[in-house]
PDB file of N, CA and C in Angstrom:
ATOM      1  N   MET A   1       0.852  -1.165   0.000  1.00  0.00           N
ATOM      2  CA  MET A   1       0.000   0.000   0.000  1.00  0.00           C
ATOM      3  C   MET A   1       0.904   1.236   0.000  1.00  0.00           C
ATOM      4  N   ALA A   2       0.585   2.216  -0.830  1.00  0.00           N
ATOM      5  CA  ALA A   2       1.353   3.461  -0.911  1.00  0.00           C
ATOM      6  C   ALA A   2       0.921   4.403   0.200  1.00  0.00           C
ATOM      7  N   LYS A   3       1.849   5.265   0.626  1.00  0.00           N
ATOM      8  CA  LYS A   3       1.537   6.276   1.632  1.00  0.00           C
ATOM      9  C   LYS A   3       1.528   7.643   0.965  1.00  0.00           C
ATOM     10  N   TYR A   4       0.659   8.532   1.470  1.00  0.00           N
ATOM     11  CA  TYR A   4       0.525   9.874   0.922  1.00  0.00           C
ATOM     12  C   TYR A   4       0.508  10.884   2.056  1.00  0.00           C
ATOM     13  N   ARG A   5       0.999  12.071   1.767  1.00  0.00           N
ATOM     14  CA  ARG A   5       0.935  13.170   2.719  1.00  0.00           C
ATOM     15  C   ARG A   5       0.071  14.265   2.102  1.00  0.00           C
ATOM     16  N   LYS A   6      -0.791  14.833   2.892  1.00  0.00           N
ATOM     17  CA  LYS A   6      -1.657  15.908   2.434  1.00  0.00           C
ATOM     18  C   LYS A   6      -0.807  17.128   2.060  1.00  0.00           C
ATOM     19  N   LYS A   7      -1.103  17.730   0.913  1.00  0.00           N
ATOM     20  CA  LYS A   7      -0.378  18.919   0.488  1.00  0.00           C
ATOM     21  C   LYS A   7      -0.663  20.056   1.466  1.00  0.00           C
ATOM     22  N   PRO A   8       0.364  20.816   1.797  1.00  0.00           N
ATOM     23  CA  PRO A   8       0.104  21.940   2.707  1.00  0.00           C
ATOM     24  C   PRO A   8      -0.667  23.050   1.982  1.00  0.00           C
ATOM     25  N   ILE A   9      -1.784  23.428   2.570  1.00  0.00           N
ATOM     26  CA  ILE A   9      -2.582  24.534   2.047  1.00  0.00           C
ATOM     27  C   ILE A   9      -2.951  25.427   3.224  1.00  0.00           C
ATOM     28  N   VAL A  10      -3.250  26.657   2.940  1.00  0.00           N
ATOM     29  CA  VAL A  10      -3.670  27.593   3.976  1.00  0.00           C
ATOM     30  C   VAL A  10      -5.182  27.738   3.883  1.00  0.00           C
ATOM     31  N   VAL A  11      -5.856  27.583   5.017  1.00  0.00           N
ATOM     32  CA  VAL A  11      -7.307  27.746   5.082  1.00  0.00           C
ATOM     33  C   VAL A  11      -7.621  28.832   6.100  1.00  0.00           C
ATOM     34  N   GLU A  12      -8.796  29.393   6.005  1.00  0.00           N
ATOM     35  CA  GLU A  12      -9.280  30.321   7.023  1.00  0.00           C
ATOM     36  C   GLU A  12     -10.102  29.516   8.019  1.00  0.00           C
ATOM     37  N   ALA A  13     -10.000  29.873   9.296  1.00  0.00           N
ATOM     38  CA  ALA A  13     -10.778  29.176  10.319  1.00  0.00           C
ATOM     39  C   ALA A  13     -11.034  30.108  11.484  1.00  0.00           C
ATOM     40  N   GLU A  14     -12.202  29.946  12.096  1.00  0.00           N
ATOM     41  CA  GLU A  14     -12.583  30.700  13.289  1.00  0.00           C
ATOM     42  C   GLU A  14     -13.369  29.781  14.197  1.00  0.00           C
ATOM     43  N   VAL A  15     -13.274  30.039  15.506  1.00  0.00           N
ATOM     44  CA  VAL A  15     -14.125  29.319  16.442  1.00  0.00           C
ATOM     45  C   VAL A  15     -15.554  29.811  16.220  1.00  0.00           C
ATOM     46  N   TYR A  16     -16.482  28.873  16.163  1.00  0.00           N
ATOM     47  CA  TYR A  16     -17.882  29.202  15.892  1.00  0.00           C
ATOM     48  C   TYR A  16     -18.453  30.183  16.904  1.00  0.00           C
ATOM     49  N   VAL A  17     -19.154  31.181  16.375  1.00  0.00           N
ATOM     50  CA  VAL A  17     -20.018  32.060  17.169  1.00  0.00           C
ATOM     51  C   VAL A  17     -21.335  32.152  16.397  1.00  0.00           C
ATOM     52  N   GLU A  18     -22.409  32.375  17.142  1.00  0.00           N
ATOM     53  CA  GLU A  18     -23.717  32.455  16.493  1.00  0.00           C
ATOM     54  C   GLU A  18     -23.674  33.505  15.389  1.00  0.00           C
ATOM     55  N   GLY A  19     -24.231  33.146  14.256  1.00  0.00           N
ATOM     56  CA  GLY A  19     -24.235  34.003  13.083  1.00  0.00           C
ATOM     57  C   GLY A  19     -23.407  33.404  11.946  1.00  0.00           C
ATOM     58  N   MET A  20     -22.548  32.433  12.287  1.00  0.00           N
ATOM     59  CA  MET A  20     -21.729  31.786  11.261  1.00  0.00           C
ATOM     60  C   MET A  20     -22.425  30.585  10.631  1.00  0.00           C
ATOM     61  N   GLU A  21     -23.500  30.108  11.241  1.00  0.00           N
ATOM     62  CA  GLU A  21     -24.231  28.939  10.753  1.00  0.00           C
ATOM     63  C   GLU A  21     -25.006  29.297   9.486  1.00  0.00           C
ATOM     64  N   ASP A  22     -25.404  28.261   8.753  1.00  0.00           N
ATOM     65  CA  ASP A  22     -26.266  28.466   7.584  1.00  0.00           C
ATOM     66  C   ASP A  22     -27.731  28.526   8.000  1.00  0.00           C
ATOM     67  N   TYR A  23     -28.087  27.770   9.034  1.00  0.00           N
ATOM     68  CA  TYR A  23     -29.462  27.765   9.544  1.00  0.00           C
ATOM     69  C   TYR A  23     -29.481  27.017  10.874  1.00  0.00           C
ATOM     70  N   PHE A  24     -30.621  27.087  11.545  1.00  0.00           N
ATOM     71  CA  PHE A  24     -30.833  26.357  12.793  1.00  0.00           C
ATOM     72  C   PHE A  24     -31.865  25.259  12.561  1.00  0.00           C
ATOM     73  N   LYS A  25     -31.728  24.191  13.330  1.00  0.00           N
ATOM     74  CA  LYS A  25     -32.760  23.169  13.400  1.00  0.00           C
ATOM     75  C   LYS A  25     -33.045  22.930  14.869  1.00  0.00           C
ATOM     76  N   TYR A  26     -34.149  22.247  15.129  1.00  0.00           N
ATOM     77  CA  TYR A  26     -34.620  22.011  16.490  1.00  0.00           C
ATOM     78  C   TYR A  26     -34.784  20.523  16.689  1.00  0.00           C
ATOM     79  N   HIS A  27     -34.246  20.008  17.810  1.00  0.00           N
ATOM     80  CA  HIS A  27     -34.322  18.575  18.075  1.00  0.00           C
ATOM     81  C   HIS A  27     -35.660  18.242  18.718  1.00  0.00           C
ATOM     82  N   ILE A  28     -36.373  17.352  18.089  1.00  0.00           N
ATOM     83  CA  ILE A  28     -37.634  16.850  18.625  1.00  0.00           C
ATOM     84  C   ILE A  28     -37.362  15.395  19.028  1.00  0.00           C
ATOM     85  N   PRO A  29     -37.298  15.100  20.341  1.00  0.00           N
ATOM     86  CA  PRO A  29     -36.978  13.742  20.784  1.00  0.00           C
ATOM     87  C   PRO A  29     -37.846  12.694  20.087  1.00  0.00           C
ATOM     88  N   MET A  30     -37.225  11.607  19.708  1.00  0.00           N
ATOM     89  CA  MET A  30     -37.831  10.458  19.028  1.00  0.00           C
ATOM     90  C   MET A  30     -38.189  10.750  17.566  1.00  0.00           C
ATOM     91  N   PHE A  31     -38.002  11.992  17.097  1.00  0.00           N
ATOM     92  CA  PHE A  31     -38.350  12.310  15.709  1.00  0.00           C
ATOM     93  C   PHE A  31     -37.163  12.824  14.913  1.00  0.00           C
ATOM     94  N   GLY A  32     -36.246  13.557  15.541  1.00  0.00           N
ATOM     95  CA  GLY A  32     -35.082  14.061  14.815  1.00  0.00           C
ATOM     96  C   GLY A  32     -34.987  15.574  14.842  1.00  0.00           C
ATOM     97  N   PHE A  33     -34.307  16.125  13.848  1.00  0.00           N
ATOM     98  CA  PHE A  33     -34.081  17.560  13.745  1.00  0.00           C
ATOM     99  C   PHE A  33     -34.939  18.147  12.634  1.00  0.00           C
ATOM    100  N   PHE A  34     -35.505  19.316  12.908  1.00  0.00           N
ATOM    101  CA  PHE A  34     -36.400  19.957  11.957  1.00  0.00           C
ATOM    102  C   PHE A  34     -36.154  21.461  11.924  1.00  0.00           C
ATOM    103  N   THR A  35     -36.397  22.077  10.761  1.00  0.00           N
ATOM    104  CA  THR A  35     -36.331  23.533  10.669  1.00  0.00           C
ATOM    105  C   THR A  35     -37.544  24.119  11.398  1.00  0.00           C
ATOM    106  N   LYS A  36     -37.507  25.409  11.617  1.00  0.00           N
ATOM    107  CA  LYS A  36     -38.629  26.068  12.300  1.00  0.00           C
ATOM    108  C   LYS A  36     -39.923  25.880  11.512  1.00  0.00           C
ATOM    109  N   ASP A  37     -39.868  26.064  10.195  1.00  0.00           N
ATOM    110  CA  ASP A  37     -41.063  25.887   9.371  1.00  0.00           C
ATOM    111  C   ASP A  37     -41.591  24.456   9.436  1.00  0.00           C
ATOM    112  N   GLU A  38     -40.669  23.476   9.427  1.00  0.00           N
ATOM    113  CA  GLU A  38     -41.092  22.078   9.528  1.00  0.00           C
ATOM    114  C   GLU A  38     -41.749  21.801  10.871  1.00  0.00           C
ATOM    115  N   CYS A  39     -41.194  22.387  11.947  1.00  0.00           N
ATOM    116  CA  CYS A  39     -41.794  22.222  13.280  1.00  0.00           C
ATOM    117  C   CYS A  39     -43.208  22.781  13.315  1.00  0.00           C
ATOM    118  N   LEU A  40     -43.358  23.986  12.815  1.00  0.00           N
ATOM    119  CA  LEU A  40     -44.672  24.642  12.846  1.00  0.00           C
ATOM    120  C   LEU A  40     -45.699  23.877  12.023  1.00  0.00           C
ATOM    121  N   SER A  41     -45.308  23.406  10.840  1.00  0.00           N
ATOM    122  CA  SER A  41     -46.279  22.702   9.997  1.00  0.00           C
ATOM    123  C   SER A  41     -46.630  21.328  10.557  1.00  0.00           C
ATOM    124  N   ALA A  42     -45.721  20.721  11.354  1.00  0.00           N
ATOM    125  CA  ALA A  42     -45.998  19.412  11.961  1.00  0.00           C
ATOM    126  C   ALA A  42     -46.646  19.528  13.335  1.00  0.00           C
ATOM    127  N   GLY A  43     -46.773  20.755  13.852  1.00  0.00           N
ATOM    128  CA  GLY A  43     -47.394  20.939  15.161  1.00  0.00           C
ATOM    129  C   GLY A  43     -46.436  20.770  16.330  1.00  0.00           C
ATOM    130  N   PHE A  44     -45.127  20.702  16.064  1.00  0.00           N
ATOM    131  CA  PHE A  44     -44.139  20.638  17.140  1.00  0.00           C
ATOM    132  C   PHE A  44     -43.945  22.035  17.706  1.00  0.00           C
ATOM    133  N   THR A  45     -43.744  22.120  19.014  1.00  0.00           N
ATOM    134  CA  THR A  45     -43.576  23.436  19.638  1.00  0.00           C
ATOM    135  C   THR A  45     -42.347  23.478  20.553  1.00  0.00           C
ATOM    136  N   PRO A  46     -41.155  23.389  19.965  1.00  0.00           N
ATOM    137  CA  PRO A  46     -39.957  23.529  20.799  1.00  0.00           C
ATOM    138  C   PRO A  46     -39.794  24.974  21.247  1.00  0.00           C
ATOM    139  N   ASP A  47     -38.923  25.210  22.181  1.00  0.00           N
ATOM    140  CA  ASP A  47     -38.551  26.576  22.551  1.00  0.00           C
ATOM    141  C   ASP A  47     -37.599  27.048  21.458  1.00  0.00           C
ATOM    142  N   PHE A  48     -38.090  27.913  20.588  1.00  0.00           N
ATOM    143  CA  PHE A  48     -37.322  28.281  19.401  1.00  0.00           C
ATOM    144  C   PHE A  48     -36.054  29.072  19.705  1.00  0.00           C
ATOM    145  N   GLU A  49     -35.887  29.573  20.892  1.00  0.00           N
ATOM    146  CA  GLU A  49     -34.619  30.215  21.262  1.00  0.00           C
ATOM    147  C   GLU A  49     -33.703  29.241  21.987  1.00  0.00           C
ATOM    148  N   LYS A  50     -34.242  28.497  22.926  1.00  0.00           N
ATOM    149  CA  LYS A  50     -33.433  27.613  23.764  1.00  0.00           C
ATOM    150  C   LYS A  50     -33.018  26.331  23.053  1.00  0.00           C
ATOM    151  N   ASP A  51     -33.864  25.763  22.234  1.00  0.00           N
ATOM    152  CA  ASP A  51     -33.638  24.437  21.652  1.00  0.00           C
ATOM    153  C   ASP A  51     -33.000  24.453  20.265  1.00  0.00           C
ATOM    154  N   LYS A  52     -32.535  25.596  19.804  1.00  0.00           N
ATOM    155  CA  LYS A  52     -31.991  25.650  18.442  1.00  0.00           C
ATOM    156  C   LYS A  52     -30.578  25.076  18.390  1.00  0.00           C
ATOM    157  N   MET A  53     -30.296  24.375  17.289  1.00  0.00           N
ATOM    158  CA  MET A  53     -28.989  23.779  17.030  1.00  0.00           C
ATOM    159  C   MET A  53     -28.477  24.346  15.703  1.00  0.00           C
ATOM    160  N   PRO A  54     -27.247  24.884  15.696  1.00  0.00           N
ATOM    161  CA  PRO A  54     -26.718  25.450  14.449  1.00  0.00           C
ATOM    162  C   PRO A  54     -26.241  24.351  13.493  1.00  0.00           C
ATOM    163  N   PHE A  55     -26.464  24.578  12.202  1.00  0.00           N
ATOM    164  CA  PHE A  55     -26.065  23.648  11.150  1.00  0.00           C
ATOM    165  C   PHE A  55     -25.308  24.378  10.055  1.00  0.00           C
ATOM    166  N   LEU A  56     -24.398  23.656   9.408  1.00  0.00           N
ATOM    167  CA  LEU A  56     -23.721  24.130   8.200  1.00  0.00           C
ATOM    168  C   LEU A  56     -24.055  23.166   7.075  1.00  0.00           C
ATOM    169  N   LYS A  57     -24.251  23.714   5.875  1.00  0.00           N
ATOM    170  CA  LYS A  57     -24.355  22.895   4.678  1.00  0.00           C
ATOM    171  C   LYS A  57     -22.946  22.712   4.153  1.00  0.00           C
ATOM    172  N   THR A  58     -22.492  21.471   4.018  1.00  0.00           N
ATOM    173  CA  THR A  58     -21.144  21.200   3.530  1.00  0.00           C
ATOM    174  C   THR A  58     -21.235  20.415   2.225  1.00  0.00           C
ATOM    175  N   LEU A  59     -20.095  20.170   1.617  1.00  0.00           N
ATOM    176  CA  LEU A  59     -20.080  19.373   0.399  1.00  0.00           C
ATOM    177  C   LEU A  59     -20.563  17.950   0.652  1.00  0.00           C
ATOM    178  N   GLU A  60     -20.465  17.492   1.903  1.00  0.00           N
ATOM    179  CA  GLU A  60     -20.892  16.138   2.257  1.00  0.00           C
ATOM    180  C   GLU A  60     -22.306  16.086   2.847  1.00  0.00           C
ATOM    181  N   GLY A  61     -22.993  17.211   2.893  1.00  0.00           N
ATOM    182  CA  GLY A  61     -24.322  17.266   3.490  1.00  0.00           C
ATOM    183  C   GLY A  61     -24.327  18.224   4.666  1.00  0.00           C
ATOM    184  N   GLU A  62     -25.376  18.182   5.474  1.00  0.00           N
ATOM    185  CA  GLU A  62     -25.456  19.109   6.596  1.00  0.00           C
ATOM    186  C   GLU A  62     -24.798  18.542   7.838  1.00  0.00           C
ATOM    187  N   HIS A  63     -24.199  19.438   8.638  1.00  0.00           N
ATOM    188  CA  HIS A  63     -23.511  19.035   9.861  1.00  0.00           C
ATOM    189  C   HIS A  63     -23.901  19.956  11.005  1.00  0.00           C
ATOM    190  N   ILE A  64     -24.109  19.378  12.175  1.00  0.00           N
ATOM    191  CA  ILE A  64     -24.360  20.150  13.391  1.00  0.00           C
ATOM    192  C   ILE A  64     -23.059  20.806  13.817  1.00  0.00           C
ATOM    193  N   ILE A  65     -23.145  22.034  14.283  1.00  0.00           N
ATOM    194  CA  ILE A  65     -21.998  22.731  14.843  1.00  0.00           C
ATOM    195  C   ILE A  65     -22.131  22.676  16.355  1.00  0.00           C
ATOM    196  N   SER A  66     -21.072  22.274  17.035  1.00  0.00           N
ATOM    197  CA  SER A  66     -21.065  22.246  18.491  1.00  0.00           C
ATOM    198  C   SER A  66     -20.261  23.424  19.022  1.00  0.00           C
ATOM    199  N   GLU A  67     -20.535  23.799  20.265  1.00  0.00           N
ATOM    200  CA  GLU A  67     -19.779  24.872  20.900  1.00  0.00           C
ATOM    201  C   GLU A  67     -18.295  24.516  20.876  1.00  0.00           C
ATOM    202  N   GLY A  68     -17.451  25.460  20.502  1.00  0.00           N
ATOM    203  CA  GLY A  68     -16.009  25.247  20.452  1.00  0.00           C
ATOM    204  C   GLY A  68     -15.498  24.751  19.116  1.00  0.00           C
ATOM    205  N   ASP A  69     -16.396  24.292  18.223  1.00  0.00           N
ATOM    206  CA  ASP A  69     -15.957  23.845  16.901  1.00  0.00           C
ATOM    207  C   ASP A  69     -15.338  25.001  16.126  1.00  0.00           C
ATOM    208  N   TYR A  70     -14.381  24.669  15.285  1.00  0.00           N
ATOM    209  CA  TYR A  70     -13.835  25.632  14.332  1.00  0.00           C
ATOM    210  C   TYR A  70     -14.639  25.524  13.054  1.00  0.00           C
ATOM    211  N   ILE A  71     -14.868  26.653  12.404  1.00  0.00           N
ATOM    212  CA  ILE A  71     -15.487  26.669  11.087  1.00  0.00           C
ATOM    213  C   ILE A  71     -14.356  26.959  10.109  1.00  0.00           C
ATOM    214  N   ILE A  72     -14.073  25.987   9.269  1.00  0.00           N
ATOM    215  CA  ILE A  72     -12.980  26.091   8.298  1.00  0.00           C
ATOM    216  C   ILE A  72     -13.554  26.446   6.938  1.00  0.00           C
ATOM    217  N   THR A  73     -12.908  27.381   6.261  1.00  0.00           N
ATOM    218  CA  THR A  73     -13.259  27.707   4.890  1.00  0.00           C
ATOM    219  C   THR A  73     -12.158  27.139   4.010  1.00  0.00           C
ATOM    220  N   GLY A  74     -12.511  26.203   3.143  1.00  0.00           N
ATOM    221  CA  GLY A  74     -11.539  25.504   2.302  1.00  0.00           C
ATOM    222  C   GLY A  74     -11.123  26.291   1.085  1.00  0.00           C
ATOM    223  N   VAL A  75     -10.315  25.651   0.249  1.00  0.00           N
ATOM    224  CA  VAL A  75      -9.704  26.316  -0.897  1.00  0.00           C
ATOM    225  C   VAL A  75     -10.707  26.726  -1.967  1.00  0.00           C
ATOM    226  N   LYS A  76     -11.875  26.129  -1.992  1.00  0.00           N
ATOM    227  CA  LYS A  76     -12.900  26.494  -2.968  1.00  0.00           C
ATOM    228  C   LYS A  76     -14.044  27.271  -2.338  1.00  0.00           C
ATOM    229  N   GLY A  77     -13.834  27.774  -1.102  1.00  0.00           N
ATOM    230  CA  GLY A  77     -14.862  28.547  -0.418  1.00  0.00           C
ATOM    231  C   GLY A  77     -15.845  27.697   0.362  1.00  0.00           C
ATOM    232  N   GLU A  78     -15.683  26.379   0.333  1.00  0.00           N
ATOM    233  CA  GLU A  78     -16.577  25.497   1.079  1.00  0.00           C
ATOM    234  C   GLU A  78     -16.299  25.637   2.571  1.00  0.00           C
ATOM    235  N   ARG A  79     -17.335  25.469   3.386  1.00  0.00           N
ATOM    236  CA  ARG A  79     -17.176  25.578   4.842  1.00  0.00           C
ATOM    237  C   ARG A  79     -17.560  24.268   5.500  1.00  0.00           C
ATOM    238  N   TYR A  80     -16.884  23.983   6.594  1.00  0.00           N
ATOM    239  CA  TYR A  80     -17.213  22.785   7.354  1.00  0.00           C
ATOM    240  C   TYR A  80     -16.726  22.941   8.782  1.00  0.00           C
ATOM    241  N   PRO A  81     -17.434  22.290   9.740  1.00  0.00           N
ATOM    242  CA  PRO A  81     -17.013  22.356  11.137  1.00  0.00           C
ATOM    243  C   PRO A  81     -15.916  21.336  11.418  1.00  0.00           C
ATOM    244  N   CYS A  82     -15.090  21.652  12.417  1.00  0.00           N
ATOM    245  CA  CYS A  82     -14.011  20.754  12.831  1.00  0.00           C
ATOM    246  C   CYS A  82     -13.911  20.802  14.352  1.00  0.00           C
ATOM    247  N   LYS A  83     -13.872  19.632  14.982  1.00  0.00           N
ATOM    248  CA  LYS A  83     -13.744  19.561  16.439  1.00  0.00           C
ATOM    249  C   LYS A  83     -12.414  20.178  16.869  1.00  0.00           C
ATOM    250  N   PRO A  84     -12.385  20.870  18.016  1.00  0.00           N
ATOM    251  CA  PRO A  84     -11.176  21.581  18.449  1.00  0.00           C
ATOM    252  C   PRO A  84      -9.939  20.685  18.566  1.00  0.00           C
ATOM    253  N   ASP A  85     -10.090  19.466  19.087  1.00  0.00           N
ATOM    254  CA  ASP A  85      -8.917  18.602  19.239  1.00  0.00           C
ATOM    255  C   ASP A  85      -8.348  18.176  17.884  1.00  0.00           C
ATOM    256  N   ILE A  86      -9.208  17.876  16.931  1.00  0.00           N
ATOM    257  CA  ILE A  86      -8.763  17.510  15.579  1.00  0.00           C
ATOM    258  C   ILE A  86      -8.124  18.723  14.915  1.00  0.00           C
ATOM    259  N   PHE A  87      -8.722  19.897  15.098  1.00  0.00           N
ATOM    260  CA  PHE A  87      -8.167  21.109  14.510  1.00  0.00           C
ATOM    261  C   PHE A  87      -6.751  21.353  15.002  1.00  0.00           C
ATOM    262  N   ARG A  88      -6.541  21.247  16.312  1.00  0.00           N
ATOM    263  CA  ARG A  88      -5.213  21.492  16.883  1.00  0.00           C
ATOM    264  C   ARG A  88      -4.183  20.466  16.414  1.00  0.00           C
ATOM    265  N   MET A  89      -4.605  19.237  16.173  1.00  0.00           N
ATOM    266  CA  MET A  89      -3.674  18.206  15.685  1.00  0.00           C
ATOM    267  C   MET A  89      -3.336  18.383  14.202  1.00  0.00           C
ATOM    268  N   THR A  90      -4.242  19.030  13.452  1.00  0.00           N
ATOM    269  CA  THR A  90      -4.128  19.081  12.005  1.00  0.00           C
ATOM    270  C   THR A  90      -3.607  20.422  11.471  1.00  0.00           C
ATOM    271  N   TYR A  91      -3.880  21.499  12.184  1.00  0.00           N
ATOM    272  CA  TYR A  91      -3.562  22.841  11.675  1.00  0.00           C
ATOM    273  C   TYR A  91      -2.638  23.582  12.630  1.00  0.00           C
ATOM    274  N   GLU A  92      -1.851  24.498  12.064  1.00  0.00           N
ATOM    275  CA  GLU A  92      -1.043  25.409  12.863  1.00  0.00           C
ATOM    276  C   GLU A  92      -1.213  26.800  12.280  1.00  0.00           C
ATOM    277  N   LYS A  93      -1.128  27.809  13.151  1.00  0.00           N
ATOM    278  CA  LYS A  93      -1.335  29.190  12.726  1.00  0.00           C
ATOM    279  C   LYS A  93      -0.172  29.643  11.841  1.00  0.00           C
ATOM    280  N   VAL A  94      -0.491  30.391  10.766  1.00  0.00           N
ATOM    281  CA  VAL A  94       0.546  30.941   9.891  1.00  0.00           C
ATOM    282  C   VAL A  94       0.575  32.448   9.978  1.00  0.00           C
TER     283      VAL A  94
END
């Protein structure tokens, strides 16, 4: 099996703060995550301020953003979340 090393590239990254997400969804136990409009049309009534979960649309689909995650902007402008421990192992400040 051949071994490969990732080419060094520079990306932009910031620790997530509210406003960086693409949208919010709300967790409805036993049913999953839904947008506000989906909740309202299905009759679900979460606390729309307290129960919101931030999401990013990525090239691989949607991902939940957790507190402390880094939001990385890749070489083609794509964005994706990265856990802090993985970020620190993979990236260094330039």
